[in-house]
Amino acid sequence: MFFRNKKTGLVWEVVDEDHIKRLQNDDDYEEVKEEKEQSKQTPKKSPTKKG
C-alpha cells in the first residue's frame, strides 16, 4: 500500500501489516493509489545554431 504524508507530500510504499494499520489510524497520512514513476519526461532540445 502507498501512503502520503500530508505535511511533506512524500509518498511511501508500506508492506508491513502493523505499520499499515498504524498509518491508517494516523491523521497525518492518507492512503493513495499506486503512483507510477514519471518516466515520460520531455526531452531537452539542444540549442540551434544561428547564422
C-alpha atoms as a PDB file:
ATOM      1  CA  MET A   1       0.000   0.000   0.000  1.00  0.00           C
ATOM      2  CA  PHE A   2       1.071   3.576  -0.606  1.00  0.00           C
ATOM      3  CA  PHE A   3       0.687   6.361   1.930  1.00  0.00           C
ATOM      4  CA  ARG A   4       1.236  10.113   1.539  1.00  0.00           C
ATOM      5  CA  ASN A   5       2.486  12.221   4.396  1.00  0.00           C
ATOM      6  CA  LYS A   6       0.092  15.182   4.374  1.00  0.00           C
ATOM      7  CA  LYS A   7       2.688  17.524   5.882  1.00  0.00           C
ATOM      8  CA  THR A   8       5.563  16.781   3.480  1.00  0.00           C
ATOM      9  CA  GLY A   9       3.790  15.315   0.439  1.00  0.00           C
ATOM     10  CA  LEU A  10       6.159  12.337   0.370  1.00  0.00           C
ATOM     11  CA  VAL A  11       4.668   9.010  -0.729  1.00  0.00           C
ATOM     12  CA  TRP A  12       5.844   5.783   0.851  1.00  0.00           C
ATOM     13  CA  GLU A  13       5.211   2.157  -0.033  1.00  0.00           C
ATOM     14  CA  VAL A  14       4.433   0.235   3.149  1.00  0.00           C
ATOM     15  CA  VAL A  15       4.259  -3.572   3.206  1.00  0.00           C
ATOM     16  CA  ASP A  16       4.287  -4.363   6.952  1.00  0.00           C
ATOM     17  CA  GLU A  17       0.714  -5.015   8.141  1.00  0.00           C
ATOM     18  CA  ASP A  18       1.231  -3.460  11.591  1.00  0.00           C
ATOM     19  CA  HIS A  19       2.722  -0.337  10.018  1.00  0.00           C
ATOM     20  CA  ILE A  20      -0.191  -0.126   7.542  1.00  0.00           C
ATOM     21  CA  LYS A  21      -2.708  -0.266  10.422  1.00  0.00           C
ATOM     22  CA  ARG A  22      -0.843   2.463  12.302  1.00  0.00           C
ATOM     23  CA  LEU A  23      -0.763   4.768   9.270  1.00  0.00           C
ATOM     24  CA  GLN A  24      -4.452   4.160   8.522  1.00  0.00           C
ATOM     25  CA  ASN A  25      -5.259   5.454  12.022  1.00  0.00           C
ATOM     26  CA  ASP A  26      -2.898   8.447  11.761  1.00  0.00           C
ATOM     27  CA  ASP A  27      -4.457  11.710  10.539  1.00  0.00           C
ATOM     28  CA  ASP A  28      -1.097  12.871   9.142  1.00  0.00           C
ATOM     29  CA  TYR A  29      -1.152  10.133   6.461  1.00  0.00           C
ATOM     30  CA  GLU A  30      -3.547   9.236   3.690  1.00  0.00           C
ATOM     31  CA  GLU A  31      -3.728   6.100   1.590  1.00  0.00           C
ATOM     32  CA  VAL A  32      -3.117   6.728  -2.106  1.00  0.00           C
ATOM     33  CA  LYS A  33      -3.323   4.623  -5.219  1.00  0.00           C
ATOM     34  CA  GLU A  34      -0.061   3.314  -6.607  1.00  0.00           C
ATOM     35  CA  GLU A  35       1.789   6.152  -8.264  1.00  0.00           C
ATOM     36  CA  LYS A  36       3.627   5.383 -11.469  1.00  0.00           C
ATOM     37  CA  GLU A  37       7.101   6.764 -11.872  1.00  0.00           C
ATOM     38  CA  GLN A  38       7.377   9.804 -14.080  1.00  0.00           C
ATOM     39  CA  SER A  39       9.401   8.114 -16.796  1.00  0.00           C
ATOM     40  CA  LYS A  40       7.912  10.244 -19.563  1.00  0.00           C
ATOM     41  CA  GLN A  41       9.956  13.391 -19.250  1.00  0.00           C
ATOM     42  CA  THR A  42      10.025  15.934 -22.031  1.00  0.00           C
ATOM     43  CA  PRO A  43      13.307  15.662 -23.891  1.00  0.00           C
ATOM     44  CA  LYS A  44      15.529  18.703 -23.754  1.00  0.00           C
ATOM     45  CA  LYS A  45      16.142  20.375 -27.073  1.00  0.00           C
ATOM     46  CA  SER A  46      19.675  21.286 -27.921  1.00  0.00           C
ATOM     47  CA  PRO A  47      20.263  24.884 -28.878  1.00  0.00           C
ATOM     48  CA  THR A  48      20.147  25.663 -32.580  1.00  0.00           C
ATOM     49  CA  LYS A  49      22.952  27.475 -34.308  1.00  0.00           C
ATOM     50  CA  LYS A  50      22.137  30.869 -35.755  1.00  0.00           C
ATOM     51  CA  GLY A  51      23.759  32.318 -38.757  1.00  0.00           C
END
